[in-house]
Amino acid sequence: PEVGRPTPRHVSAAALVYFAIATAVMAGCAGAYAALWSVPYARRHCTAADAGAGDADPSVTDSEAATVAGDHALLLPLGQLHGSSGEGAGDVMPDTCNDGTGGDDAVLRPASLAHNCSERQATQLASRGGTQAVERIGAILQSADPSSESEQWSAWRVAYELRLYLAAVALTFLVTLAVFPGIASSVCSQHSTAAAPPCTPHPPAGRFYGELFVPAVFVLFNAGDMAGRMAAGWGLLGRQPPQGAALVGYAAVRTLLALALALCNVTVAHTWTLPVVFKSDVWPLLFTVVLGLTNGHLASLVCMHAPTLLPHTAQAACGPVLAFSITSGITAGSVLALLLSAVLQRS
């Protein structure tokens, strides 16, 4: 080699250090997120934010009940409450909870008292035919009730309820990251004569089979991933949640794609110990497309349907749990990629 020019072994060592640092950072972020829930301030802040988000209902107009849940109190209007449908629509319902102030002024009451007060208002409205308004008020009261189900659903309970979905999405990204981009970026065309990276830049068959072959692999993976995410909304699987066990099996079958890519024409700095079974250039391109297609399809199916398996009041906790599972799968896949690169090469 030329003086001062890095050899493939030097590049391989530098890449190993780079991805090891990236993996350590991802693992640290995942661990810090898990530890965050043990901090009382973080738990209180997230619980208050979820409660506040649940109170906002755009379908409730100003002339209907407006309930805002806080840590200690609810702000309730003490004026007119109108029904939105039925024969009582437009009628004025007297405020049975008025404390003597009168008018439409708002009074700040303790949450328990305000909740009981609003229940009596809703009962009066129901007797006058405002059924739609009562339904909307009931949804608000449920989120405002200190004893509502929303406060009973911890992150651990959500994780247990969605355990199969979380296992499926984690396994999906583990398999993907185990071979892409690590092993996939080392696959050269059958026309390449290079014994070590990089692939032969200009083979007789054309430039595509040389320096453009690996970029084509990346383009095909991302195109397949986007197509898979779009396809997740089609057909029966787009309309109803699939069984969790079926998703886990779907994700597990993808390990065959990872093995198939490892059996292609992998060119590394040392000797690749696996035999080249799929010699044609069609195979690595096909495996990469299917890997991206199934990655996007599975990830989207899980993220689309997982919240629907939970009660409405517990769906707010689904996002962080899913994000943690995805991050865990990516981290584990990155670690596995480093291990495979070390084990499958022989000096």
Protein backbone atom coordinates (compact mmCIF):
# COMPACT_ATOMS: atom_id res chain seq x y z
CA PRO A 1 0.00 0.00 0.00
CA GLU A 2 0.98 3.61 -0.48
CA VAL A 3 2.64 5.43 2.38
CA GLY A 4 0.09 7.20 4.54
CA ARG A 5 -2.87 5.52 2.86
CA PRO A 6 -5.06 3.52 5.29
CA THR A 7 -5.25 -0.20 4.64
CA PRO A 8 -8.51 -2.17 4.80
CA ARG A 9 -7.52 -3.45 8.23
CA HIS A 10 -7.09 0.10 9.52
CA VAL A 11 -10.44 1.13 8.08
CA SER A 12 -12.11 -1.92 9.59
CA ALA A 13 -10.70 -1.15 13.03
CA ALA A 14 -11.80 2.49 12.81
CA ALA A 15 -15.31 1.44 11.74
CA LEU A 16 -15.47 -1.01 14.63
CA VAL A 17 -14.60 1.73 17.11
CA TYR A 18 -17.10 4.12 15.52
CA PHE A 19 -20.02 1.69 15.71
CA ALA A 20 -19.00 0.55 19.20
CA ILE A 21 -19.21 4.15 20.43
CA ALA A 22 -22.56 4.64 18.69
CA THR A 23 -23.90 1.45 20.26
CA ALA A 24 -22.68 2.53 23.71
CA VAL A 25 -24.41 5.90 23.33
CA MET A 26 -27.69 4.23 22.28
CA ALA A 27 -27.48 1.80 25.20
CA GLY A 28 -26.83 4.70 27.57
CA CYS A 29 -29.86 6.59 26.24
CA ALA A 30 -32.09 3.53 26.65
CA GLY A 31 -30.83 2.97 30.19
CA ALA A 32 -31.28 6.63 31.10
CA TYR A 33 -34.87 6.58 29.80
CA ALA A 34 -35.63 3.50 31.90
CA ALA A 35 -34.08 5.12 34.96
CA LEU A 36 -36.03 8.33 34.37
CA TRP A 37 -39.26 6.70 35.54
CA SER A 38 -37.71 6.06 38.95
CA VAL A 39 -37.33 9.81 39.56
CA PRO A 40 -40.39 11.15 41.45
CA TYR A 41 -40.30 14.51 39.66
CA ALA A 42 -40.36 12.86 36.22
CA ARG A 43 -43.23 10.57 37.17
CA ARG A 44 -45.28 13.46 38.53
CA HIS A 45 -44.56 15.66 35.51
CA CYS A 46 -45.49 12.96 32.96
CA THR A 47 -48.65 12.00 34.86
CA ALA A 48 -49.79 15.63 35.01
CA ALA A 49 -49.05 16.09 31.30
CA ASP A 50 -51.08 13.00 30.39
CA ALA A 51 -53.98 14.17 32.55
CA GLY A 52 -53.93 17.60 30.96
CA ALA A 53 -53.85 16.14 27.44
CA GLY A 54 -56.84 13.94 28.19
CA ASP A 55 -59.00 16.88 29.20
CA ALA A 56 -58.85 18.71 25.89
CA ASP A 57 -61.89 17.78 23.84
CA PRO A 58 -62.41 19.91 20.71
CA SER A 59 -65.96 18.61 20.32
CA VAL A 60 -67.14 20.38 23.47
CA THR A 61 -68.21 23.93 22.73
CA ASP A 62 -68.03 26.95 25.00
CA SER A 63 -71.76 26.67 25.73
CA GLU A 64 -71.21 23.16 27.05
CA ALA A 65 -69.21 21.97 30.00
CA ALA A 66 -65.50 22.78 29.94
CA THR A 67 -63.50 20.81 32.46
CA VAL A 68 -59.80 21.36 32.94
CA ALA A 69 -57.98 18.90 35.20
CA GLY A 70 -55.06 20.09 37.22
CA ASP A 71 -53.05 18.68 40.05
CA HIS A 72 -55.46 19.92 42.75
CA ALA A 73 -58.46 21.62 41.15
CA LEU A 74 -60.87 21.82 38.23
CA LEU A 75 -62.05 25.01 36.61
CA LEU A 76 -65.79 24.70 35.97
CA PRO A 77 -68.10 27.36 34.48
CA LEU A 78 -71.03 28.19 36.74
CA GLY A 79 -73.49 29.46 34.18
CA GLN A 80 -75.64 28.07 31.44
CA LEU A 81 -75.20 24.54 30.12
CA HIS A 82 -76.91 23.71 26.84
CA GLY A 83 -77.83 20.34 25.35
CA SER A 84 -76.52 19.65 21.87
CA SER A 85 -79.24 17.31 20.63
CA GLY A 86 -82.65 15.96 21.50
CA GLU A 87 -85.70 17.90 22.51
CA GLY A 88 -83.79 19.64 25.22
CA ALA A 89 -81.34 21.17 22.78
CA GLY A 90 -80.86 24.86 23.40
CA ASP A 91 -82.63 24.82 26.77
CA VAL A 92 -80.94 26.46 29.66
CA MET A 93 -80.14 24.19 32.54
CA PRO A 94 -79.98 25.85 35.95
CA ASP A 95 -76.71 25.47 37.73
CA THR A 96 -77.38 23.32 40.80
CA CYS A 97 -73.81 23.82 42.02
CA ASN A 98 -73.87 27.58 42.06
CA ASP A 99 -72.33 28.77 45.28
CA GLY A 100 -74.16 32.06 45.17
CA THR A 101 -71.87 33.96 42.85
CA GLY A 102 -74.23 33.61 39.89
CA GLY A 103 -73.50 34.44 36.27
CA ASP A 104 -71.00 32.66 34.07
CA ASP A 105 -68.03 33.22 36.33
CA ALA A 106 -65.70 30.31 36.91
CA VAL A 107 -64.95 29.12 40.40
CA LEU A 108 -61.87 27.11 41.30
CA ARG A 109 -62.91 24.14 43.42
CA PRO A 110 -61.08 21.07 44.74
CA ALA A 111 -61.09 18.30 42.14
CA SER A 112 -63.35 15.96 44.13
CA LEU A 113 -66.02 18.63 44.73
CA ALA A 114 -65.89 19.88 41.14
CA HIS A 115 -66.27 16.34 39.84
CA ASN A 116 -69.36 15.68 41.97
CA CYS A 117 -70.79 19.02 40.95
CA SER A 118 -70.35 18.27 37.26
CA GLU A 119 -71.98 14.88 37.70
CA ARG A 120 -75.13 16.59 38.98
CA GLN A 121 -75.02 19.01 36.06
CA ALA A 122 -74.70 16.13 33.62
CA THR A 123 -77.63 14.32 35.27
CA GLN A 124 -79.84 17.38 34.88
CA LEU A 125 -78.78 17.74 31.26
CA ALA A 126 -79.60 14.09 30.58
CA SER A 127 -83.12 14.61 31.92
CA ARG A 128 -83.58 17.41 29.39
CA GLY A 129 -82.50 15.32 26.37
CA GLY A 130 -78.91 16.52 25.76
CA THR A 131 -77.48 13.01 25.29
CA GLN A 132 -74.55 13.92 23.04
CA ALA A 133 -73.40 16.61 25.41
CA VAL A 134 -73.64 14.18 28.32
CA GLU A 135 -71.47 11.66 26.49
CA ARG A 136 -68.80 14.28 25.89
CA ILE A 137 -69.03 15.50 29.46
CA GLY A 138 -68.74 11.89 30.67
CA ALA A 139 -65.51 11.42 28.75
CA ILE A 140 -64.09 14.55 30.36
CA LEU A 141 -65.26 13.53 33.82
CA GLN A 142 -63.62 10.14 33.45
CA SER A 143 -60.26 11.74 32.72
CA ALA A 144 -60.79 14.26 35.54
CA ASP A 145 -61.79 11.69 38.13
CA PRO A 146 -58.89 11.03 40.52
CA SER A 147 -59.99 7.39 40.75
CA SER A 148 -60.23 6.91 36.95
CA GLU A 149 -58.51 4.06 35.17
CA SER A 150 -55.89 6.31 33.59
CA GLU A 151 -53.94 6.58 36.83
CA GLN A 152 -53.87 2.80 37.30
CA TRP A 153 -52.04 2.06 34.03
CA SER A 154 -48.32 2.29 34.68
CA ALA A 155 -45.68 1.83 32.00
CA TRP A 156 -45.03 -1.68 33.30
CA ARG A 157 -48.68 -2.62 33.00
CA VAL A 158 -48.83 -1.28 29.46
CA ALA A 159 -45.66 -3.21 28.59
CA TYR A 160 -47.15 -6.43 29.95
CA GLU A 161 -50.39 -5.94 28.05
CA LEU A 162 -48.47 -5.34 24.80
CA ARG A 163 -45.65 -7.81 25.47
CA LEU A 164 -46.05 -9.72 22.21
CA TYR A 165 -46.26 -6.56 20.12
CA LEU A 166 -43.21 -5.13 21.87
CA ALA A 167 -41.28 -8.37 21.37
CA ALA A 168 -42.19 -8.35 17.67
CA VAL A 169 -41.01 -4.78 17.02
CA ALA A 170 -37.82 -5.28 19.07
CA LEU A 171 -37.01 -8.50 17.18
CA THR A 172 -37.73 -6.75 13.88
CA PHE A 173 -35.12 -4.07 14.43
CA LEU A 174 -32.69 -6.52 16.01
CA VAL A 175 -32.67 -8.67 12.86
CA THR A 176 -32.47 -5.64 10.59
CA LEU A 177 -29.59 -3.96 12.40
CA ALA A 178 -27.71 -7.25 12.70
CA VAL A 179 -27.08 -7.31 8.93
CA PHE A 180 -27.90 -3.80 7.71
CA PRO A 181 -25.85 -1.79 7.15
CA GLY A 182 -22.94 -3.87 8.52
CA ILE A 183 -22.96 -7.04 6.42
CA ALA A 184 -25.08 -5.60 3.61
CA SER A 185 -22.54 -2.84 2.94
CA SER A 186 -19.81 -5.48 2.52
CA VAL A 187 -21.60 -7.43 -0.23
CA CYS A 188 -19.87 -7.00 -3.59
CA SER A 189 -21.02 -7.94 -7.04
CA GLN A 190 -20.09 -11.28 -8.52
CA HIS A 191 -18.05 -9.32 -11.08
CA SER A 192 -15.82 -7.84 -8.40
CA THR A 193 -12.35 -9.34 -8.16
CA ALA A 194 -11.36 -7.57 -4.94
CA ALA A 195 -10.20 -9.82 -2.12
CA ALA A 196 -10.63 -7.01 0.44
CA PRO A 197 -12.79 -3.89 0.56
CA PRO A 198 -13.55 -1.78 -1.32
CA CYS A 199 -15.18 -3.64 -4.20
CA THR A 200 -13.60 -3.38 -7.65
CA PRO A 201 -14.69 0.13 -8.75
CA HIS A 202 -14.80 -0.45 -12.51
CA PRO A 203 -15.23 -4.12 -13.44
CA PRO A 204 -15.64 -5.06 -17.11
CA ALA A 205 -19.39 -5.64 -16.57
CA GLY A 206 -19.95 -1.94 -15.86
CA ARG A 207 -19.78 0.66 -13.13
CA PHE A 208 -23.05 -0.48 -11.53
CA TYR A 209 -21.41 -3.78 -10.62
CA GLY A 210 -18.49 -1.92 -9.10
CA GLU A 211 -18.60 1.22 -7.01
CA LEU A 212 -22.37 1.68 -7.42
CA PHE A 213 -23.38 -1.78 -6.25
CA VAL A 214 -23.34 -1.03 -2.51
CA PRO A 215 -25.17 2.33 -2.92
CA ALA A 216 -27.81 0.44 -4.91
CA VAL A 217 -28.24 -1.93 -1.97
CA PHE A 218 -28.91 1.03 0.35
CA VAL A 219 -31.39 2.59 -2.08
CA LEU A 220 -33.29 -0.67 -2.46
CA PHE A 221 -33.50 -1.20 1.30
CA ASN A 222 -34.92 2.26 1.93
CA ALA A 223 -37.35 1.97 -0.99
CA GLY A 224 -38.56 -1.36 0.37
CA ASP A 225 -38.89 0.08 3.87
CA MET A 226 -41.04 2.96 2.63
CA ALA A 227 -43.20 0.61 0.54
CA GLY A 228 -43.69 -1.66 3.55
CA ARG A 229 -44.83 1.23 5.73
CA MET A 230 -47.36 2.28 3.11
CA ALA A 231 -48.60 -1.29 2.64
CA ALA A 232 -49.29 -1.63 6.37
CA GLY A 233 -52.52 0.32 5.93
CA TRP A 234 -53.86 -1.92 3.16
CA GLY A 235 -56.13 -4.93 3.37
CA LEU A 236 -57.35 -6.74 6.45
CA LEU A 237 -54.18 -6.09 8.48
CA GLY A 238 -54.70 -2.37 8.04
CA ARG A 239 -58.22 -2.53 9.49
CA GLN A 240 -57.89 -4.81 12.50
CA PRO A 241 -55.03 -5.67 14.87
CA PRO A 242 -53.22 -8.93 14.07
CA GLN A 243 -52.49 -11.48 16.76
CA GLY A 244 -49.37 -10.76 18.77
CA ALA A 245 -48.05 -14.30 18.34
CA ALA A 246 -48.42 -13.99 14.57
CA LEU A 247 -46.34 -10.79 14.59
CA VAL A 248 -43.62 -12.47 16.65
CA GLY A 249 -43.54 -15.37 14.19
CA TYR A 250 -43.42 -12.92 11.30
CA ALA A 251 -40.43 -11.17 12.87
CA ALA A 252 -38.68 -14.46 13.65
CA VAL A 253 -38.92 -15.68 10.03
CA ARG A 254 -36.93 -12.61 8.97
CA THR A 255 -33.82 -14.17 10.52
CA LEU A 256 -33.66 -16.29 7.36
CA LEU A 257 -33.13 -13.09 5.36
CA ALA A 258 -30.25 -12.12 7.62
CA LEU A 259 -28.65 -15.54 7.15
CA ALA A 260 -29.19 -15.38 3.39
CA LEU A 261 -27.39 -12.01 3.14
CA ALA A 262 -24.47 -13.43 5.12
CA LEU A 263 -24.21 -16.22 2.54
CA CYS A 264 -23.76 -13.80 -0.37
CA ASN A 265 -20.46 -12.48 -1.76
CA VAL A 266 -19.32 -10.70 1.42
CA THR A 267 -15.94 -8.98 1.03
CA VAL A 268 -14.20 -8.01 4.27
CA ALA A 269 -10.69 -7.20 5.40
CA HIS A 270 -10.13 -10.75 6.67
CA THR A 271 -11.42 -14.10 5.48
CA TRP A 272 -15.20 -14.48 5.63
CA THR A 273 -15.83 -17.88 7.18
CA LEU A 274 -19.26 -18.51 5.64
CA PRO A 275 -19.44 -19.98 2.14
CA VAL A 276 -20.81 -18.02 -0.82
CA VAL A 277 -24.08 -19.83 -1.53
CA PHE A 278 -25.92 -17.09 -3.44
CA LYS A 279 -23.41 -16.06 -6.10
CA SER A 280 -25.69 -14.19 -8.49
CA ASP A 281 -26.12 -10.44 -8.02
CA VAL A 282 -29.88 -10.87 -8.11
CA TRP A 283 -29.93 -12.54 -4.71
CA PRO A 284 -28.41 -9.83 -2.49
CA LEU A 285 -30.54 -7.18 -4.19
CA LEU A 286 -33.67 -9.28 -3.69
CA PHE A 287 -32.85 -10.10 -0.08
CA THR A 288 -32.22 -6.44 0.68
CA VAL A 289 -35.55 -5.32 -0.80
CA VAL A 290 -37.48 -7.95 1.16
CA LEU A 291 -35.56 -7.08 4.33
CA GLY A 292 -36.55 -3.41 4.00
CA LEU A 293 -40.12 -4.24 2.97
CA THR A 294 -40.75 -6.49 5.97
CA ASN A 295 -38.97 -4.07 8.33
CA GLY A 296 -41.26 -1.17 7.43
CA HIS A 297 -44.36 -3.37 7.29
CA LEU A 298 -43.84 -4.95 10.70
CA ALA A 299 -42.82 -1.74 12.45
CA SER A 300 -45.85 0.11 11.10
CA LEU A 301 -48.28 -2.68 11.98
CA VAL A 302 -47.11 -2.68 15.57
CA CYS A 303 -47.14 1.11 15.96
CA MET A 304 -50.56 1.41 14.27
CA HIS A 305 -52.42 -1.24 16.22
CA ALA A 306 -50.72 -1.40 19.62
CA PRO A 307 -52.62 1.60 21.07
CA THR A 308 -55.95 0.10 19.99
CA LEU A 309 -55.38 -2.87 22.31
CA LEU A 310 -55.45 -0.59 25.34
CA PRO A 311 -58.30 1.31 27.00
CA HIS A 312 -58.66 4.88 25.84
CA THR A 313 -57.37 6.25 29.11
CA ALA A 314 -54.17 4.17 28.88
CA GLN A 315 -53.23 4.92 25.29
CA ALA A 316 -51.11 7.94 26.22
CA ALA A 317 -48.56 5.63 27.87
CA CYS A 318 -48.24 3.45 24.77
CA GLY A 319 -45.93 5.79 22.83
CA PRO A 320 -43.03 5.87 25.30
CA VAL A 321 -43.22 2.11 25.82
CA LEU A 322 -43.11 1.46 22.07
CA ALA A 323 -40.23 3.89 21.63
CA PHE A 324 -38.27 2.13 24.36
CA SER A 325 -38.88 -1.26 22.75
CA ILE A 326 -37.76 0.01 19.34
CA THR A 327 -34.65 1.57 20.84
CA SER A 328 -33.87 -1.67 22.67
CA GLY A 329 -34.15 -3.65 19.45
CA ILE A 330 -31.89 -1.23 17.59
CA THR A 331 -29.31 -1.33 20.37
CA ALA A 332 -29.34 -5.12 20.58
CA GLY A 333 -29.08 -5.38 16.79
CA SER A 334 -26.10 -3.05 16.71
CA VAL A 335 -24.33 -5.12 19.37
CA LEU A 336 -25.13 -8.33 17.49
CA ALA A 337 -23.74 -6.82 14.28
CA LEU A 338 -20.43 -6.16 16.01
CA LEU A 339 -20.33 -9.70 17.38
CA LEU A 340 -21.12 -11.25 13.99
CA SER A 341 -18.44 -9.14 12.32
CA ALA A 342 -15.88 -10.35 14.85
CA VAL A 343 -16.95 -14.01 14.90
CA LEU A 344 -17.45 -14.56 11.17
CA GLN A 345 -14.05 -13.18 10.14
CA ARG A 346 -10.84 -15.14 10.40
CA SER A 347 -7.42 -13.50 10.29
